[in-house]
Amino acid sequence: MSEIKTLVGSLKLEKEDFADFRITEVESTSLVVRKGNVEQVMHDISIGGAARVLVNGSWGFYYTTDLSSEGIRLALEKAYKAAKALSENVIEKSKVKIERTYEDEVKLNVKIDPRSISLEEKVKVVLEFDKNIWKGNEGIATTSVALSDSVKKEYIVNSYGTEVKYEVCSTRISGSAVAKEGDLIQNVSTSVGESRGWETIKEFDYVKEGQELGKRGVELLKALPPPSGKMNVIMDQSLVGVFIHEAFGHASEADAVKANRSILSGLIGKKVGDEAISVTDDPTIPGMRGSYPYDSEGTKAEKREIVRNGTLVGYLHSLETAAYLNAKPNGAARAMNFSSKPIVRMSNTFIENGEYSLEELAEMIKNGIYLAKSYGGYVDPARGQFYFTAQEGYLVENGKIGRKVQNVSMSGLTLDVLKNVMGVGNDLKLAFPGTCGKDGQWVPVSGGGPHIAVKEIVVGGRK
């Protein structure tokens, strides 16, 4: 490995040129069970290296599975030649901003390495989880349970002197069910995901969680049809997590800003929400699903303020976007594997705590709906439009949370929601452990916040 630094240093680079070489190894397992049948059991190991070279404002990229000295030399040479050839016709020249370099090694820090657990044990867990969703829950029509774990190692060297090695772990288990009665269908799901080891799965009570999931689905068949129209809304922590990740977080990724595909372009220092709203992205929180020590460019991970008291104060940056927007690199460039380029990504994104209890928020909105347990949705970060579904809702009448309603959606404009916040709760929780897709790459993330109350959101339900 020590030869890589010499090979990167041997490239004939000018002052503003740049090069790095990254080795990424990922060992992963994924299992899927549907309706009691094991449909997927996969164990995969991928290892390779990627060379990036910036010459006269143009990038060259080349990846390889040949990690011999000659293989690495050839990869760097091909990336260099590609960058040089492309630089003759580049219109907008790229740059990188390096404020400091790093030399570090971070070992895997988990109690139980998931690689030490047999496939038989993992299959047993997903089958038991699935079995308990059905147990005593007549009305369940179909189920799906998934378990995944991975250990990722990255080694990054660049032409400025950075040399870092780190290891991270990711574990997740999820279950979903469809309850059906005649033409009425209700969807429910639950999941747990962290950057800890197999202890995450070991602590998951799949008997209790499975039975409660099935029970929730069946009970929703008897709940009230949800209302439709504009109304005051309380969002629970998981729905806040999906909203702040999908509707707002992607717009704060500086590559979207650079490409003019973000509603937040040009708004640094401007009000984007109520003064009670502060948004943070923090990859340094121990154990959280989106946590990591260094990004795939070798920049140290750090806590990143995006919104402070309603004012946009920062974006998430790679070395290139930091140079383009004259900002500080903040370690937000992540690559899924060795064949992927590092791109700007979120980690653990959340709205920070306010001062109100859930009961006080209900009194605040007086009449409306409390939406709980997110179930996915759609967002257009360039236009700021979103559509999300909650697994269940509760009518808020005369300031009290009451009768349960079925699957219900909410939609609107991102900045309108943030500006129409009535109150922010004091019960912050990172309740959305997800896997985020962007440009064909998937990385572990989480999102959350406290309960928040917002006025006049469009809510939709079945008639």
Protein backbone atom coordinates (compact mmCIF):
# COMPACT_ATOMS: atom_id res chain seq x y z
CA MET A 1 0.00 0.00 0.00
CA SER A 2 2.89 2.39 0.69
CA GLU A 3 3.74 2.27 -3.01
CA ILE A 4 0.46 3.98 -3.91
CA LYS A 5 1.62 7.27 -2.40
CA THR A 6 4.76 7.10 -4.56
CA LEU A 7 2.76 6.25 -7.68
CA VAL A 8 0.32 9.14 -7.14
CA GLY A 9 3.25 11.47 -6.45
CA SER A 10 4.98 10.44 -9.68
CA LEU A 11 2.26 12.00 -11.88
CA LYS A 12 3.32 15.19 -13.67
CA LEU A 13 0.79 17.58 -12.17
CA GLU A 14 0.68 21.35 -12.32
CA LYS A 15 -0.17 23.59 -9.34
CA GLU A 16 -3.97 23.35 -9.61
CA ASP A 17 -4.04 19.74 -10.80
CA PHE A 18 -5.01 16.93 -8.46
CA ALA A 19 -4.97 13.15 -8.22
CA ASP A 20 -6.14 10.49 -5.82
CA PHE A 21 -6.33 6.74 -5.67
CA ARG A 22 -8.95 4.94 -3.57
CA ILE A 23 -9.17 1.25 -2.72
CA THR A 24 -12.61 0.13 -1.58
CA GLU A 25 -13.48 -3.31 -0.23
CA VAL A 26 -17.07 -4.19 0.68
CA GLU A 27 -18.22 -7.50 2.16
CA SER A 28 -21.99 -7.72 2.43
CA THR A 29 -24.89 -10.06 3.05
CA SER A 30 -28.52 -9.50 2.09
CA LEU A 31 -31.56 -11.69 2.67
CA VAL A 32 -35.19 -11.27 1.62
CA VAL A 33 -38.21 -13.31 2.73
CA ARG A 34 -41.67 -12.83 1.22
CA LYS A 35 -44.76 -14.56 2.63
CA GLY A 36 -42.60 -17.05 4.47
CA ASN A 37 -40.48 -17.95 1.44
CA VAL A 38 -36.77 -17.19 1.27
CA GLU A 39 -36.38 -15.36 -2.05
CA GLN A 40 -32.83 -14.04 -1.75
CA VAL A 41 -29.66 -14.99 0.11
CA MET A 42 -26.62 -13.13 -1.15
CA HIS A 43 -23.09 -12.87 0.13
CA ASP A 44 -20.81 -10.61 -1.87
CA ILE A 45 -17.24 -9.37 -1.69
CA SER A 46 -16.06 -6.62 -4.00
CA ILE A 47 -12.61 -5.06 -3.99
CA GLY A 48 -10.92 -2.73 -6.43
CA GLY A 49 -9.35 0.65 -6.88
CA ALA A 50 -10.27 3.93 -8.55
CA ALA A 51 -7.99 6.61 -9.92
CA ARG A 52 -9.14 10.22 -10.32
CA VAL A 53 -6.96 12.83 -11.96
CA LEU A 54 -7.74 16.51 -12.52
CA VAL A 55 -5.65 18.08 -15.29
CA ASN A 56 -6.15 21.65 -16.47
CA GLY A 57 -9.71 21.74 -15.16
CA SER A 58 -10.85 18.36 -16.53
CA TRP A 59 -11.40 15.05 -14.72
CA GLY A 60 -10.26 11.60 -15.73
CA PHE A 61 -11.57 8.51 -13.92
CA TYR A 62 -10.53 4.88 -14.21
CA TYR A 63 -11.24 1.90 -11.97
CA THR A 64 -9.60 -1.51 -11.82
CA THR A 65 -9.60 -4.80 -9.94
CA ASP A 66 -5.85 -5.16 -10.54
CA LEU A 67 -4.30 -3.84 -7.33
CA SER A 68 -0.75 -4.79 -8.14
CA SER A 69 1.74 -1.93 -8.44
CA GLU A 70 1.55 -2.19 -12.21
CA GLY A 71 -2.26 -2.27 -12.18
CA ILE A 72 -2.43 0.86 -10.03
CA ARG A 73 0.18 2.63 -12.17
CA LEU A 74 -1.79 1.86 -15.32
CA ALA A 75 -5.06 3.07 -13.76
CA LEU A 76 -3.47 6.38 -12.76
CA GLU A 77 -1.89 6.73 -16.21
CA LYS A 78 -5.19 6.10 -18.01
CA ALA A 79 -7.07 8.55 -15.77
CA TYR A 80 -4.32 11.14 -16.37
CA LYS A 81 -4.43 10.69 -20.15
CA ALA A 82 -8.22 10.89 -20.21
CA ALA A 83 -8.19 14.11 -18.18
CA LYS A 84 -5.51 15.65 -20.39
CA ALA A 85 -7.37 14.76 -23.58
CA LEU A 86 -10.68 16.12 -22.29
CA SER A 87 -9.07 19.32 -21.00
CA GLU A 88 -8.54 20.55 -24.55
CA ASN A 89 -12.30 21.00 -24.97
CA VAL A 90 -13.56 21.69 -21.45
CA ILE A 91 -15.65 24.88 -21.16
CA GLU A 92 -16.09 25.15 -17.41
CA LYS A 93 -12.89 24.17 -15.64
CA SER A 94 -13.14 22.17 -12.42
CA LYS A 95 -10.99 22.81 -9.35
CA VAL A 96 -10.58 21.26 -5.92
CA LYS A 97 -10.16 23.00 -2.59
CA ILE A 98 -7.82 21.37 -0.07
CA GLU A 99 -7.63 23.20 3.25
CA ARG A 100 -5.75 20.46 5.08
CA THR A 101 -4.54 16.89 4.64
CA TYR A 102 -5.00 13.86 6.87
CA GLU A 103 -2.99 10.81 7.90
CA ASP A 104 -5.07 8.41 9.95
CA GLU A 105 -6.33 4.85 10.37
CA VAL A 106 -9.72 4.06 11.93
CA LYS A 107 -10.38 0.42 12.76
CA LEU A 108 -13.80 -1.24 12.85
CA ASN A 109 -15.43 -0.60 16.23
CA VAL A 110 -18.33 -3.02 16.78
CA LYS A 111 -19.21 -5.53 19.49
CA ILE A 112 -20.17 -8.33 17.09
CA ASP A 113 -18.75 -8.40 13.58
CA PRO A 114 -21.65 -9.45 11.29
CA ARG A 115 -19.18 -11.46 9.20
CA SER A 116 -18.82 -13.82 12.18
CA ILE A 117 -22.53 -14.76 12.05
CA SER A 118 -23.49 -17.73 9.88
CA LEU A 119 -25.93 -17.44 7.00
CA GLU A 120 -28.08 -20.04 8.76
CA GLU A 121 -28.47 -17.77 11.77
CA LYS A 122 -29.34 -14.81 9.56
CA VAL A 123 -31.94 -16.81 7.65
CA LYS A 124 -33.46 -17.93 10.97
CA VAL A 125 -33.88 -14.30 12.07
CA VAL A 126 -35.72 -13.15 8.94
CA LEU A 127 -37.97 -16.24 8.89
CA GLU A 128 -38.92 -15.75 12.56
CA PHE A 129 -39.61 -12.06 12.02
CA ASP A 130 -41.83 -12.86 9.04
CA LYS A 131 -43.64 -15.68 10.89
CA ASN A 132 -44.54 -13.37 13.75
CA ILE A 133 -46.06 -10.74 11.46
CA TRP A 134 -48.65 -13.35 10.47
CA LYS A 135 -49.11 -14.81 13.95
CA GLY A 136 -52.62 -14.09 15.24
CA ASN A 137 -53.17 -11.36 12.65
CA GLU A 138 -55.94 -12.46 10.31
CA GLY A 139 -56.25 -9.94 7.52
CA ILE A 140 -52.58 -9.84 6.57
CA ALA A 141 -52.36 -10.51 2.82
CA THR A 142 -48.64 -10.38 2.18
CA THR A 143 -45.34 -9.70 3.97
CA SER A 144 -41.75 -8.87 3.17
CA VAL A 145 -38.74 -8.98 5.49
CA ALA A 146 -35.19 -7.95 4.59
CA LEU A 147 -31.90 -8.11 6.45
CA SER A 148 -28.62 -6.62 5.28
CA ASP A 149 -25.17 -6.11 6.74
CA SER A 150 -21.90 -4.87 5.29
CA VAL A 151 -18.38 -3.96 6.27
CA LYS A 152 -16.69 -1.38 4.12
CA LYS A 153 -12.97 -0.58 4.08
CA GLU A 154 -11.52 2.41 2.23
CA TYR A 155 -7.93 3.49 1.71
CA ILE A 156 -7.41 6.90 0.12
CA VAL A 157 -4.24 8.63 -1.02
CA ASN A 158 -4.09 12.00 -2.79
CA SER A 159 -1.46 14.18 -4.39
CA TYR A 160 -1.60 16.75 -1.57
CA GLY A 161 -0.43 14.20 1.03
CA THR A 162 -3.61 12.71 2.50
CA GLU A 163 -3.38 9.02 3.40
CA VAL A 164 -6.29 7.57 5.38
CA LYS A 165 -7.70 4.13 6.05
CA TYR A 166 -11.03 3.46 7.71
CA GLU A 167 -13.61 0.74 8.26
CA VAL A 168 -17.36 1.14 8.79
CA CYS A 169 -20.17 -1.31 9.43
CA SER A 170 -23.83 -1.14 8.46
CA THR A 171 -26.66 -3.38 9.68
CA ARG A 172 -30.38 -3.12 8.95
CA ILE A 173 -33.52 -5.20 9.32
CA SER A 174 -36.92 -4.19 7.96
CA GLY A 175 -40.37 -5.65 7.66
CA SER A 176 -43.51 -4.64 5.81
CA ALA A 177 -47.01 -6.01 5.55
CA VAL A 178 -50.15 -5.44 3.54
CA ALA A 179 -53.49 -5.84 5.31
CA LYS A 180 -56.54 -6.38 3.11
CA GLU A 181 -60.30 -6.51 3.56
CA GLY A 182 -62.32 -6.55 0.35
CA ASP A 183 -61.02 -3.68 -1.79
CA LEU A 184 -59.44 -1.89 1.19
CA ILE A 185 -55.65 -2.17 1.47
CA GLN A 186 -53.43 -0.78 4.24
CA ASN A 187 -49.61 -0.73 4.24
CA VAL A 188 -47.40 -0.85 7.34
CA SER A 189 -43.66 -1.19 7.87
CA THR A 190 -40.90 -0.95 10.45
CA SER A 191 -37.10 -0.95 10.33
CA VAL A 192 -33.97 -0.59 12.41
CA GLY A 193 -30.59 0.37 10.95
CA GLU A 194 -27.30 1.45 12.51
CA SER A 195 -23.56 1.61 11.93
CA ARG A 196 -23.08 -0.87 14.77
CA GLY A 197 -22.47 -4.58 14.28
CA TRP A 198 -24.67 -7.66 14.65
CA GLU A 199 -25.60 -6.38 18.11
CA THR A 200 -28.18 -4.20 16.34
CA ILE A 201 -29.96 -7.32 15.09
CA LYS A 202 -29.43 -9.21 18.35
CA GLU A 203 -31.18 -6.44 20.29
CA PHE A 204 -34.10 -6.38 17.85
CA ASP A 205 -37.07 -8.24 19.34
CA TYR A 206 -38.41 -9.77 16.12
CA VAL A 207 -41.16 -11.67 17.94
CA LYS A 208 -42.64 -8.54 19.50
CA GLU A 209 -41.90 -6.28 16.53
CA GLY A 210 -43.39 -8.77 14.06
CA GLN A 211 -46.61 -9.28 16.00
CA GLU A 212 -47.05 -5.55 16.59
CA LEU A 213 -46.48 -4.81 12.89
CA GLY A 214 -49.14 -7.29 11.80
CA LYS A 215 -51.53 -6.05 14.47
CA ARG A 216 -51.10 -2.43 13.30
CA GLY A 217 -51.94 -3.40 9.74
CA VAL A 218 -55.11 -5.26 10.74
CA GLU A 219 -56.25 -2.48 13.08
CA LEU A 220 -55.90 0.10 10.31
CA LEU A 221 -58.57 -1.74 8.33
CA LYS A 222 -61.04 -0.66 11.03
CA ALA A 223 -59.73 2.90 11.40
CA LEU A 224 -61.45 5.99 9.97
CA PRO A 225 -60.90 6.97 6.34
CA PRO A 226 -58.47 9.91 6.38
CA PRO A 227 -59.69 13.45 5.63
CA SER A 228 -58.68 15.44 2.56
CA GLY A 229 -57.84 19.10 2.09
CA LYS A 230 -55.63 21.77 3.63
CA MET A 231 -55.23 21.42 7.36
CA ASN A 232 -52.87 21.91 10.28
CA VAL A 233 -50.56 18.93 10.69
CA ILE A 234 -48.27 17.43 13.30
CA MET A 235 -45.53 15.22 11.81
CA ASP A 236 -43.90 12.53 13.95
CA GLN A 237 -40.12 12.02 14.04
CA SER A 238 -39.99 9.48 11.21
CA LEU A 239 -42.03 11.66 8.86
CA VAL A 240 -39.90 14.67 9.79
CA GLY A 241 -36.85 12.53 8.98
CA VAL A 242 -38.14 11.60 5.52
CA PHE A 243 -39.18 15.19 4.84
CA ILE A 244 -35.90 16.79 5.92
CA HIS A 245 -33.86 14.18 4.03
CA GLU A 246 -35.83 13.92 0.81
CA ALA A 247 -37.49 17.32 0.41
CA PHE A 248 -34.77 19.52 1.91
CA GLY A 249 -31.54 17.58 2.32
CA HIS A 250 -31.03 16.75 -1.35
CA ALA A 251 -31.45 20.42 -2.18
CA SER A 252 -28.59 21.21 0.24
CA GLU A 253 -26.14 18.96 -1.62
CA ALA A 254 -23.78 21.37 -3.34
CA ASP A 255 -23.51 19.40 -6.58
CA ALA A 256 -27.25 20.04 -7.07
CA VAL A 257 -26.63 23.71 -6.30
CA LYS A 258 -23.75 23.80 -8.79
CA ALA A 259 -25.95 22.24 -11.48
CA ASN A 260 -28.78 24.68 -10.71
CA ARG A 261 -31.06 21.81 -9.69
CA SER A 262 -31.77 23.04 -6.19
CA ILE A 263 -34.35 25.36 -4.67
CA LEU A 264 -31.58 26.49 -2.29
CA SER A 265 -29.26 27.86 -4.98
CA GLY A 266 -28.03 31.33 -4.07
CA LEU A 267 -29.85 31.45 -0.74
CA ILE A 268 -26.92 31.34 1.73
CA GLY A 269 -27.66 33.97 4.38
CA LYS A 270 -31.34 34.10 3.40
CA LYS A 271 -34.38 32.99 5.40
CA VAL A 272 -35.66 29.61 4.26
CA GLY A 273 -37.85 28.76 7.23
CA ASP A 274 -39.30 29.80 10.54
CA GLU A 275 -36.79 30.91 13.18
CA ALA A 276 -37.57 27.78 15.19
CA ILE A 277 -36.04 25.61 12.44
CA SER A 278 -32.38 24.56 12.55
CA VAL A 279 -31.15 21.73 10.32
CA THR A 280 -27.96 19.71 10.83
CA ASP A 281 -26.22 16.89 8.98
CA ASP A 282 -23.83 15.02 11.25
CA PRO A 283 -21.85 11.90 10.21
CA THR A 284 -19.94 11.81 13.53
CA ILE A 285 -22.79 10.55 15.76
CA PRO A 286 -21.70 7.14 17.14
CA GLY A 287 -23.77 4.20 15.95
CA MET A 288 -26.08 6.09 13.61
CA ARG A 289 -26.72 4.51 10.21
CA GLY A 290 -25.27 7.41 8.21
CA SER A 291 -22.08 7.81 10.30
CA TYR A 292 -18.52 7.49 9.00
CA PRO A 293 -15.06 8.87 10.02
CA TYR A 294 -13.81 10.01 6.57
CA ASP A 295 -15.50 10.46 3.23
CA SER A 296 -14.37 8.80 -0.01
CA GLU A 297 -12.06 11.73 -0.81
CA GLY A 298 -10.20 11.34 2.49
CA THR A 299 -11.74 14.43 4.11
CA LYS A 300 -12.50 14.08 7.81
CA ALA A 301 -16.21 13.87 8.60
CA GLU A 302 -17.62 16.75 10.60
CA LYS A 303 -20.91 18.11 11.91
CA ARG A 304 -22.44 20.42 9.29
CA GLU A 305 -24.94 23.19 9.96
CA ILE A 306 -27.32 23.73 7.05
CA VAL A 307 -29.96 25.98 8.60
CA ARG A 308 -29.61 28.02 11.77
CA ASN A 309 -32.69 29.72 13.21
CA GLY A 310 -34.43 29.68 9.84
CA THR A 311 -31.45 31.01 7.85
CA LEU A 312 -29.55 28.90 5.31
CA VAL A 313 -25.93 28.84 6.47
CA GLY A 314 -24.27 26.07 4.47
CA TYR A 315 -24.31 23.24 1.95
CA LEU A 316 -22.84 19.74 1.91
CA HIS A 317 -19.58 19.73 -0.04
CA SER A 318 -17.05 17.67 -1.95
CA LEU A 319 -13.57 19.04 -2.72
CA GLU A 320 -14.85 20.22 -6.10
CA THR A 321 -18.06 21.93 -4.96
CA ALA A 322 -16.17 23.61 -2.12
CA ALA A 323 -13.83 25.16 -4.70
CA TYR A 324 -16.71 26.14 -6.98
CA LEU A 325 -18.65 27.89 -4.20
CA ASN A 326 -15.57 29.08 -2.28
CA ALA A 327 -16.60 27.14 0.81
CA LYS A 328 -14.91 24.82 3.29
CA PRO A 329 -14.73 21.12 2.32
CA ASN A 330 -16.81 19.27 4.93
CA GLY A 331 -16.45 15.58 4.12
CA ALA A 332 -19.71 14.88 2.29
CA ALA A 333 -18.37 13.04 -0.80
CA ARG A 334 -19.21 9.34 -0.67
CA ALA A 335 -18.81 6.50 -3.16
CA MET A 336 -20.82 3.27 -3.01
CA ASN A 337 -17.96 1.07 -4.18
CA PHE A 338 -14.67 1.15 -6.08
CA SER A 339 -16.32 1.59 -9.48
CA SER A 340 -18.30 4.64 -8.33
CA LYS A 341 -17.16 8.25 -8.26
CA PRO A 342 -17.46 10.15 -4.96
CA ILE A 343 -20.53 12.40 -5.06
CA VAL A 344 -22.07 14.72 -2.48
CA ARG A 345 -24.28 12.79 -0.04
CA MET A 346 -26.11 13.31 3.23
CA SER A 347 -25.35 11.31 6.38
CA ASN A 348 -27.57 11.77 9.47
CA THR A 349 -29.84 14.72 8.67
CA PHE A 350 -32.25 16.15 11.21
CA ILE A 351 -34.19 19.12 12.49
CA GLU A 352 -32.88 20.13 15.91
CA ASN A 353 -34.94 20.24 19.08
CA GLY A 354 -37.41 22.98 19.91
CA GLU A 355 -39.27 23.59 23.15
CA TYR A 356 -42.73 22.01 22.94
CA SER A 357 -44.17 18.67 24.02
CA LEU A 358 -46.41 16.68 21.68
CA GLU A 359 -49.42 17.63 23.80
CA GLU A 360 -48.55 21.32 23.50
CA LEU A 361 -48.25 21.01 19.72
CA ALA A 362 -51.70 19.43 19.60
CA GLU A 363 -53.12 22.34 21.60
CA MET A 364 -51.32 24.69 19.23
CA ILE A 365 -52.93 23.36 16.04
CA LYS A 366 -56.34 22.92 17.76
CA ASN A 367 -57.94 21.02 14.88
CA GLY A 368 -56.09 19.03 12.25
CA ILE A 369 -54.27 15.72 11.94
CA TYR A 370 -51.27 13.99 13.52
CA LEU A 371 -49.34 11.96 10.90
CA ALA A 372 -47.14 9.07 12.04
CA LYS A 373 -44.77 6.42 10.65
CA SER A 374 -43.55 7.38 7.20
CA TYR A 375 -44.06 5.08 4.23
CA GLY A 376 -42.02 6.69 1.46
CA GLY A 377 -42.95 9.21 -1.21
CA TYR A 378 -41.70 11.40 -4.03
CA VAL A 379 -39.73 14.66 -4.17
CA ASP A 380 -38.49 17.07 -6.85
CA PRO A 381 -35.59 19.01 -5.22
CA ALA A 382 -35.30 21.36 -8.20
CA ARG A 383 -38.90 22.53 -7.84
CA GLY A 384 -39.26 21.91 -4.13
CA GLN A 385 -42.36 19.75 -4.51
CA PHE A 386 -42.98 16.67 -2.36
CA TYR A 387 -45.51 13.91 -1.77
CA PHE A 388 -45.17 11.62 1.27
CA THR A 389 -47.32 8.91 2.78
CA ALA A 390 -47.85 8.23 6.48
CA GLN A 391 -48.86 4.76 7.61
CA GLU A 392 -51.41 6.18 10.01
CA GLY A 393 -52.89 9.38 11.30
CA TYR A 394 -54.85 10.63 14.29
CA LEU A 395 -57.46 13.35 14.22
CA VAL A 396 -56.64 16.35 16.39
CA GLU A 397 -59.88 17.81 17.73
CA ASN A 398 -60.08 20.70 20.17
CA GLY A 399 -56.36 20.37 20.89
CA LYS A 400 -56.46 16.64 21.69
CA ILE A 401 -55.04 13.71 19.70
CA GLY A 402 -57.84 11.22 19.19
CA ARG A 403 -59.30 8.84 16.63
CA LYS A 404 -57.00 6.81 14.36
CA VAL A 405 -57.21 7.15 10.57
CA GLN A 406 -55.84 4.97 7.76
CA ASN A 407 -52.88 5.43 5.38
CA VAL A 408 -52.76 9.13 4.52
CA SER A 409 -50.63 11.35 2.29
CA MET A 410 -49.28 14.89 2.57
CA SER A 411 -47.98 17.10 -0.23
CA GLY A 412 -46.76 20.62 -0.83
CA LEU A 413 -43.74 22.84 -1.34
CA THR A 414 -40.67 22.33 0.85
CA LEU A 415 -39.97 25.95 1.72
CA ASP A 416 -43.65 26.65 2.37
CA VAL A 417 -43.65 23.92 5.01
CA LEU A 418 -40.55 25.29 6.74
CA LYS A 419 -41.92 28.83 6.70
CA ASN A 420 -45.34 27.73 8.01
CA VAL A 421 -43.99 25.91 11.07
CA MET A 422 -46.11 26.66 14.13
CA GLY A 423 -43.95 24.86 16.70
CA VAL A 424 -41.02 22.47 17.07
CA GLY A 425 -41.06 19.66 19.61
CA ASN A 426 -38.46 18.76 22.22
CA ASP A 427 -38.25 15.01 21.51
CA LEU A 428 -35.59 14.67 18.80
CA LYS A 429 -35.17 11.15 17.44
CA LEU A 430 -33.38 9.82 14.36
CA ALA A 431 -36.32 7.64 13.40
CA PHE A 432 -35.72 7.14 9.67
CA PRO A 433 -32.91 4.60 9.01
CA GLY A 434 -32.75 4.50 5.23
CA THR A 435 -30.71 3.69 2.16
CA CYS A 436 -30.48 6.68 -0.15
CA GLY A 437 -30.20 6.39 -3.91
CA LYS A 438 -28.57 9.02 -6.11
CA ASP A 439 -27.00 8.73 -9.55
CA GLY A 440 -27.19 4.94 -9.32
CA GLN A 441 -25.36 4.80 -6.01
CA TRP A 442 -26.86 3.63 -2.70
CA VAL A 443 -25.49 4.62 0.72
CA PRO A 444 -26.78 4.23 4.31
CA VAL A 445 -28.33 7.36 5.84
CA SER A 446 -30.67 8.36 8.63
CA GLY A 447 -33.02 11.26 9.23
CA GLY A 448 -35.17 12.58 11.99
CA GLY A 449 -36.07 15.40 14.29
CA PRO A 450 -38.65 16.15 16.95
CA HIS A 451 -42.39 16.35 16.31
CA ILE A 452 -43.23 19.55 14.42
CA ALA A 453 -46.51 21.35 13.85
CA VAL A 454 -47.17 23.04 10.49
CA LYS A 455 -50.17 24.99 9.30
CA GLU A 456 -52.11 24.34 6.09
CA ILE A 457 -50.51 21.31 4.49
CA VAL A 458 -52.46 19.48 1.79
CA VAL A 459 -53.55 16.11 3.17
CA GLY A 460 -55.07 13.40 1.00
CA GLY A 461 -57.06 10.30 1.80
CA ARG A 462 -59.31 7.80 0.07
CA LYS A 463 -62.90 8.85 -0.46
